Amino acid sequence: MKKNVATVVAMVSVFLLLALFLKARGNGEPANPQENVTGLAGIRMAYPSAGTMISGQVGLTLQKTDILKENGLDAVITPMSTGKEMKTALTADQVDVILTSESNFLVLLGSGFECYGVASLGSDGKMALVVDKNSPIGSVADLRGGKVATLFGTSVHKPAVEWVKDAGLTPGEDVEVVNIGSGSALRSALASNSVDAIVDWDPYLTSGINGGSYKVLAESDLDLIAVMSKQYADQNPESIARFRNSLREVAFYMSQNKGEVAGWYGEMSQMDPNLTMQVSGRNSNYNAASIEDVDVSISEAFTEKLVGIGDFLYTEGLIENRPDVRANIKQQ
């Protein structure tokens, strides 16, 4: 496990060095875009083009509608393929805000980057500890002497360790918890019997369950967060409320136009719209009857979850600093 941790720490260091290099080159617009002649405040946003479906649909819908403009924001919106790419863009001052998953916020804070969690889009579906459908393993406790694969330093790392411990097993002694570098590699490792179980997440998790290839041993929600650079937020304080209101409106738009938005997302990600709507239905905002039902706040329960993830990443040696989560939540 020490070798795996060292690998992840090295990867974090590389991403920070790349960010500094990009910033030094002066790519992109200034971090504090001046209000333009239309009276709109500039903002640069990145969202995931695949993987986390709610964030992807939100970013795509913001591109295809005037919701941001109607809230006083003149946006440049960029889809990016990975969380690492979005983190690099944020730290390199290429974008001002990213739509990402919970652990990326803690990795940014733990690496010393100054940023705020400004909103949460809620659940992106489930993540789960799964085994092959033909596996004799029927519970987490049955994994004694086996191997569990996950992605270290991501949202699926801490649950893997916790599920093993909750079953009365000790990671590194009773069960080997290993790091595999990508979601596709995780799934290939399970299919080839190189590992006994993996942590997978939606939409790939639900696709595997629907197809009958997975047995689920344990599961929990994967939550989302919008992360804004402190520099941009401090220089454009009015933009936080404008952006949060935009997220409320786009979430409501999605709830009222599920098929249309899932179709857009399918064109971009090649994801089956029916699977997109099935997984998205686990997000409470996706089922909102009115805009008053939409909640994009970072709740106390989610804040506690973030604190726990930050403590875990720090204790595991994956980030240099213990994140002060509460000091970096800014919702107005």
Protein backbone atom coordinates (compact mmCIF):
# COMPACT_ATOMS: atom_id res chain seq x y z
CA MET A 1 0.00 0.00 0.00
CA LYS A 2 2.92 2.39 0.69
CA LYS A 3 3.99 2.07 -2.95
CA ASN A 4 0.47 2.92 -4.10
CA VAL A 5 0.28 5.92 -1.76
CA ALA A 6 3.62 7.18 -3.01
CA THR A 7 2.36 6.87 -6.57
CA VAL A 8 -0.73 8.95 -5.80
CA VAL A 9 1.31 11.60 -3.97
CA ALA A 10 3.62 11.81 -6.99
CA MET A 11 0.62 12.24 -9.29
CA VAL A 12 -0.71 15.09 -7.13
CA SER A 13 2.71 16.76 -7.25
CA VAL A 14 2.80 16.43 -11.04
CA PHE A 15 -0.61 18.02 -11.43
CA LEU A 16 0.45 20.97 -9.23
CA LEU A 17 3.67 21.46 -11.20
CA LEU A 18 1.70 21.35 -14.45
CA ALA A 19 -0.70 23.92 -13.08
CA LEU A 20 2.12 26.26 -12.17
CA PHE A 21 3.65 25.80 -15.61
CA LEU A 22 0.39 26.65 -17.35
CA LYS A 23 -0.11 29.68 -15.13
CA ALA A 24 3.40 30.89 -15.85
CA ARG A 25 2.70 30.68 -19.56
CA GLY A 26 -0.19 33.06 -19.09
CA ASN A 27 -2.75 30.95 -20.93
CA GLY A 28 -6.40 31.98 -20.64
CA GLU A 29 -8.12 35.12 -19.46
CA PRO A 30 -7.41 36.98 -16.23
CA ALA A 31 -8.80 35.48 -13.01
CA ASN A 32 -10.85 38.61 -12.40
CA PRO A 33 -12.71 39.27 -15.65
CA GLN A 34 -13.91 42.85 -15.82
CA GLU A 35 -17.61 43.48 -16.12
CA ASN A 36 -18.21 43.86 -19.83
CA VAL A 37 -20.20 46.49 -21.68
CA THR A 38 -23.42 44.51 -21.28
CA GLY A 39 -23.17 44.70 -17.49
CA LEU A 40 -22.55 40.96 -17.16
CA ALA A 41 -19.80 39.59 -14.92
CA GLY A 42 -17.38 37.22 -16.63
CA ILE A 43 -16.91 33.69 -15.33
CA ARG A 44 -15.07 30.65 -16.71
CA MET A 45 -16.50 27.26 -15.81
CA ALA A 46 -15.44 23.66 -16.45
CA TYR A 47 -17.58 20.55 -16.13
CA PRO A 48 -17.01 16.82 -16.72
CA SER A 49 -17.95 15.59 -20.17
CA ALA A 50 -18.37 12.03 -18.86
CA GLY A 51 -18.44 10.14 -15.59
CA THR A 52 -20.54 12.22 -13.20
CA MET A 53 -23.86 12.53 -14.98
CA ILE A 54 -25.56 15.30 -13.00
CA SER A 55 -22.56 17.62 -13.32
CA GLY A 56 -22.26 16.76 -17.00
CA GLN A 57 -25.92 17.50 -17.69
CA VAL A 58 -25.78 20.74 -15.69
CA GLY A 59 -22.74 22.01 -17.58
CA LEU A 60 -24.19 21.04 -20.94
CA THR A 61 -27.56 22.65 -20.18
CA LEU A 62 -25.85 25.86 -19.09
CA GLN A 63 -24.10 25.86 -22.46
CA LYS A 64 -27.34 25.38 -24.37
CA THR A 65 -29.52 27.88 -22.46
CA ASP A 66 -29.28 31.52 -21.35
CA ILE A 67 -29.61 30.71 -17.65
CA LEU A 68 -26.22 32.13 -16.69
CA LYS A 69 -26.73 35.26 -18.77
CA GLU A 70 -30.15 35.80 -17.21
CA ASN A 71 -28.42 35.74 -13.82
CA GLY A 72 -25.87 38.37 -14.81
CA LEU A 73 -23.01 36.10 -15.82
CA ASP A 74 -21.14 36.09 -19.12
CA ALA A 75 -19.74 32.57 -19.14
CA VAL A 76 -17.09 30.66 -21.01
CA ILE A 77 -17.98 27.01 -20.41
CA THR A 78 -15.58 24.15 -21.16
CA PRO A 79 -16.21 20.40 -20.94
CA MET A 80 -13.20 18.45 -19.65
CA SER A 81 -12.65 14.72 -19.63
CA THR A 82 -11.31 14.13 -16.11
CA GLY A 83 -11.34 15.55 -12.61
CA LYS A 84 -7.56 15.88 -12.82
CA GLU A 85 -7.90 18.07 -15.90
CA MET A 86 -10.43 20.31 -14.16
CA LYS A 87 -8.29 20.62 -11.03
CA THR A 88 -5.28 21.55 -13.13
CA ALA A 89 -7.28 24.16 -15.03
CA LEU A 90 -8.53 25.71 -11.78
CA THR A 91 -5.11 25.89 -10.12
CA ALA A 92 -3.54 27.22 -13.33
CA ASP A 93 -6.09 30.06 -13.46
CA GLN A 94 -7.62 28.74 -16.67
CA VAL A 95 -11.10 28.55 -15.14
CA ASP A 96 -12.81 30.13 -12.14
CA VAL A 97 -15.17 27.36 -11.06
CA ILE A 98 -15.48 23.62 -11.63
CA LEU A 99 -18.32 21.14 -11.14
CA THR A 100 -16.70 18.13 -9.53
CA SER A 101 -17.03 15.37 -6.95
CA GLU A 102 -16.43 15.59 -3.23
CA SER A 103 -12.83 14.38 -2.92
CA ASN A 104 -11.43 16.75 -5.53
CA PHE A 105 -12.33 19.70 -3.30
CA LEU A 106 -10.33 18.17 -0.44
CA VAL A 107 -7.35 17.35 -2.67
CA LEU A 108 -7.26 20.98 -3.82
CA LEU A 109 -7.39 22.31 -0.25
CA GLY A 110 -4.90 19.72 0.96
CA SER A 111 -2.42 20.72 -1.73
CA GLY A 112 -2.57 24.34 -0.54
CA PHE A 113 -4.75 25.77 -3.31
CA GLU A 114 -7.10 28.46 -2.03
CA CYS A 115 -10.68 27.74 -3.06
CA TYR A 116 -14.23 27.63 -1.78
CA GLY A 117 -17.01 25.10 -1.96
CA VAL A 118 -19.89 27.31 -3.07
CA ALA A 119 -22.73 24.88 -3.85
CA SER A 120 -23.67 21.22 -4.08
CA LEU A 121 -25.61 19.62 -6.90
CA GLY A 122 -26.46 16.74 -4.56
CA SER A 123 -26.04 13.06 -5.32
CA ASP A 124 -24.67 11.81 -8.62
CA GLY A 125 -25.95 8.34 -7.86
CA LYS A 126 -24.26 5.48 -6.07
CA MET A 127 -20.82 4.04 -5.57
CA ALA A 128 -20.59 0.44 -4.45
CA LEU A 129 -18.31 -2.44 -3.56
CA VAL A 130 -19.09 -5.11 -6.12
CA VAL A 131 -17.99 -8.60 -7.12
CA ASP A 132 -18.55 -10.56 -10.30
CA LYS A 133 -22.01 -12.11 -10.60
CA ASN A 134 -20.49 -15.61 -10.51
CA SER A 135 -18.28 -14.95 -7.48
CA PRO A 136 -18.86 -17.16 -4.41
CA ILE A 137 -18.37 -14.03 -2.27
CA GLY A 138 -21.68 -12.98 -0.77
CA SER A 139 -20.67 -10.37 1.82
CA VAL A 140 -17.81 -8.01 2.62
CA ALA A 141 -16.71 -10.37 5.39
CA ASP A 142 -16.17 -13.07 2.74
CA LEU A 143 -13.36 -10.93 1.28
CA ARG A 144 -10.95 -12.10 4.01
CA GLY A 145 -7.71 -13.08 2.28
CA GLY A 146 -8.79 -11.35 -0.90
CA LYS A 147 -8.00 -8.21 -2.85
CA VAL A 148 -10.14 -5.08 -3.25
CA ALA A 149 -9.31 -2.50 -5.92
CA THR A 150 -10.21 1.17 -5.90
CA LEU A 151 -8.78 4.56 -6.96
CA PHE A 152 -6.64 6.09 -4.22
CA GLY A 153 -7.20 9.76 -3.44
CA THR A 154 -10.66 9.83 -5.06
CA SER A 155 -14.22 9.64 -3.77
CA VAL A 156 -14.18 5.84 -4.02
CA HIS A 157 -11.11 5.37 -1.79
CA LYS A 158 -12.42 6.07 1.72
CA PRO A 159 -15.60 3.98 1.29
CA ALA A 160 -13.55 0.96 0.21
CA VAL A 161 -11.51 1.11 3.42
CA GLU A 162 -14.54 1.83 5.61
CA TRP A 163 -16.61 -1.03 4.20
CA VAL A 164 -13.75 -3.44 4.88
CA LYS A 165 -13.37 -2.16 8.45
CA ASP A 166 -17.12 -2.24 9.09
CA ALA A 167 -17.06 -5.95 8.24
CA GLY A 168 -14.51 -6.53 11.01
CA LEU A 169 -11.57 -6.84 8.64
CA THR A 170 -8.26 -4.98 8.76
CA PRO A 171 -7.03 -3.44 5.49
CA GLY A 172 -3.48 -4.55 4.74
CA GLU A 173 -3.82 -7.62 6.96
CA ASP A 174 -7.10 -9.41 6.32
CA VAL A 175 -7.77 -7.74 2.98
CA GLU A 176 -5.39 -6.14 0.47
CA VAL A 177 -6.73 -2.78 -0.73
CA VAL A 178 -4.95 -1.80 -3.95
CA ASN A 179 -4.86 1.24 -6.20
CA ILE A 180 -5.71 0.84 -9.90
CA GLY A 181 -5.35 3.89 -12.08
CA SER A 182 -8.68 4.26 -13.88
CA GLY A 183 -12.28 3.15 -13.89
CA SER A 184 -11.85 1.07 -17.03
CA ALA A 185 -8.79 -0.62 -15.52
CA LEU A 186 -10.78 -1.42 -12.38
CA ARG A 187 -13.52 -3.10 -14.39
CA SER A 188 -10.99 -5.03 -16.47
CA ALA A 189 -9.26 -6.25 -13.31
CA LEU A 190 -12.53 -7.62 -11.96
CA ALA A 191 -13.44 -9.22 -15.28
CA SER A 192 -10.04 -10.96 -15.47
CA ASN A 193 -10.22 -12.12 -11.81
CA SER A 194 -7.08 -10.14 -10.97
CA VAL A 195 -8.97 -8.80 -7.95
CA ASP A 196 -11.90 -10.12 -5.94
CA ALA A 197 -13.89 -6.89 -5.70
CA ILE A 198 -13.83 -3.30 -6.92
CA VAL A 199 -15.50 -0.03 -6.06
CA ASP A 200 -17.50 1.18 -9.05
CA TRP A 201 -19.75 4.20 -9.43
CA ASP A 202 -22.65 5.44 -11.51
CA PRO A 203 -23.46 5.29 -14.34
CA TYR A 204 -21.12 2.31 -14.81
CA LEU A 205 -22.34 0.75 -11.57
CA THR A 206 -26.01 0.80 -12.57
CA SER A 207 -25.12 -0.37 -16.08
CA GLY A 208 -23.32 -3.38 -14.58
CA ILE A 209 -26.23 -4.14 -12.26
CA ASN A 210 -28.76 -3.79 -15.08
CA GLY A 211 -26.66 -6.13 -17.22
CA GLY A 212 -26.45 -8.73 -14.48
CA SER A 213 -22.66 -8.64 -14.23
CA TYR A 214 -22.38 -7.31 -10.64
CA LYS A 215 -23.32 -8.39 -7.14
CA VAL A 216 -23.40 -5.45 -4.71
CA LEU A 217 -21.85 -5.94 -1.27
CA ALA A 218 -22.09 -2.35 0.05
CA GLU A 219 -23.08 1.04 -1.33
CA SER A 220 -23.33 4.76 -0.56
CA ASP A 221 -24.02 8.07 -2.32
CA LEU A 222 -21.47 9.91 -4.42
CA ASP A 223 -21.95 13.64 -3.84
CA LEU A 224 -21.06 16.66 -5.96
CA ILE A 225 -19.67 20.10 -5.24
CA ALA A 226 -19.00 23.32 -7.14
CA VAL A 227 -15.52 24.64 -6.35
CA MET A 228 -14.57 28.27 -7.03
CA SER A 229 -11.10 29.76 -6.76
CA LYS A 230 -10.72 32.07 -3.76
CA GLN A 231 -9.10 34.67 -5.97
CA TYR A 232 -12.12 34.86 -8.27
CA ALA A 233 -14.66 34.68 -5.42
CA ASP A 234 -12.97 37.43 -3.42
CA GLN A 235 -12.70 39.69 -6.45
CA ASN A 236 -16.24 38.93 -7.67
CA PRO A 237 -18.30 38.35 -4.51
CA GLU A 238 -21.62 39.08 -6.22
CA SER A 239 -20.95 36.24 -8.66
CA ILE A 240 -21.31 33.57 -5.97
CA ALA A 241 -25.03 34.28 -5.49
CA ARG A 242 -25.52 34.66 -9.25
CA PHE A 243 -23.84 31.32 -9.88
CA ARG A 244 -25.75 29.52 -7.13
CA ASN A 245 -29.06 30.83 -8.45
CA SER A 246 -28.06 29.68 -11.93
CA LEU A 247 -27.49 26.18 -10.55
CA ARG A 248 -30.94 26.18 -8.94
CA GLU A 249 -32.55 27.22 -12.21
CA VAL A 250 -30.64 24.71 -14.32
CA ALA A 251 -31.47 21.89 -11.90
CA PHE A 252 -35.15 22.78 -12.18
CA TYR A 253 -34.88 22.98 -15.97
CA MET A 254 -33.46 19.46 -15.97
CA SER A 255 -36.30 18.19 -13.78
CA GLN A 256 -38.85 19.51 -16.26
CA ASN A 257 -37.00 18.47 -19.43
CA LYS A 258 -35.47 15.12 -18.56
CA GLY A 259 -35.65 13.55 -22.01
CA GLU A 260 -34.29 16.59 -23.81
CA VAL A 261 -31.30 16.99 -21.48
CA ALA A 262 -30.56 13.24 -21.40
CA GLY A 263 -30.59 13.33 -25.20
CA TRP A 264 -28.06 16.18 -25.25
CA TYR A 265 -25.89 14.30 -22.78
CA GLY A 266 -26.12 11.12 -24.86
CA GLU A 267 -24.87 12.97 -27.93
CA MET A 268 -21.85 14.20 -25.99
CA SER A 269 -21.01 11.12 -23.91
CA GLN A 270 -22.55 8.27 -25.95
CA MET A 271 -24.55 7.37 -22.84
CA ASP A 272 -27.97 5.74 -23.21
CA PRO A 273 -30.53 8.43 -22.29
CA ASN A 274 -32.63 5.87 -20.42
CA LEU A 275 -29.65 4.97 -18.22
CA THR A 276 -28.94 8.68 -17.70
CA MET A 277 -32.50 9.30 -16.50
CA GLN A 278 -32.48 6.18 -14.30
CA VAL A 279 -29.29 7.19 -12.50
CA SER A 280 -30.21 10.89 -12.34
CA GLY A 281 -33.49 9.96 -10.64
CA ARG A 282 -31.51 9.30 -7.44
CA ASN A 283 -30.84 13.04 -7.18
CA SER A 284 -33.64 14.79 -5.25
CA ASN A 285 -33.41 17.93 -7.40
CA TYR A 286 -34.04 15.83 -10.50
CA ASN A 287 -37.53 15.14 -9.21
CA ALA A 288 -38.37 18.71 -8.15
CA ALA A 289 -41.96 19.79 -8.78
CA SER A 290 -41.12 23.48 -8.43
CA ILE A 291 -37.99 25.58 -8.19
CA GLU A 292 -38.67 25.98 -4.46
CA ASP A 293 -37.95 22.24 -4.14
CA VAL A 294 -34.43 22.66 -5.55
CA ASP A 295 -31.63 22.78 -2.99
CA VAL A 296 -28.03 23.49 -4.00
CA SER A 297 -26.76 24.31 -0.51
CA ILE A 298 -23.87 22.53 1.16
CA SER A 299 -25.66 20.98 4.12
CA GLU A 300 -24.24 20.33 7.55
CA ALA A 301 -24.36 16.58 6.85
CA PHE A 302 -22.39 17.04 3.63
CA THR A 303 -19.93 19.33 5.42
CA GLU A 304 -19.32 16.60 8.00
CA LYS A 305 -18.78 14.11 5.19
CA LEU A 306 -16.23 16.45 3.59
CA VAL A 307 -14.40 16.84 6.91
CA GLY A 308 -14.18 13.05 7.20
CA ILE A 309 -12.84 12.66 3.67
CA GLY A 310 -10.24 15.37 4.27
CA ASP A 311 -9.09 13.74 7.51
CA PHE A 312 -8.85 10.36 5.75
CA LEU A 313 -6.80 11.69 2.83
CA TYR A 314 -4.46 13.49 5.24
CA THR A 315 -4.03 10.46 7.51
CA GLU A 316 -3.30 8.26 4.49
CA GLY A 317 -0.55 10.66 3.40
CA LEU A 318 -2.28 11.55 0.13
CA ILE A 319 -2.42 15.30 0.80
CA GLU A 320 0.11 17.52 2.55
CA ASN A 321 -2.27 19.57 4.70
CA ARG A 322 -5.35 18.73 6.72
CA PRO A 323 -8.15 20.73 5.01
CA ASP A 324 -10.04 23.32 7.03
CA VAL A 325 -13.35 22.50 5.36
CA ARG A 326 -15.63 24.82 7.32
CA ALA A 327 -13.43 27.84 6.68
CA ASN A 328 -13.64 27.18 2.96
CA ILE A 329 -17.39 26.80 2.52
CA LYS A 330 -18.76 30.05 1.10
CA GLN A 331 -22.40 30.07 0.09
CA GLN A 332 -23.12 33.80 -0.19
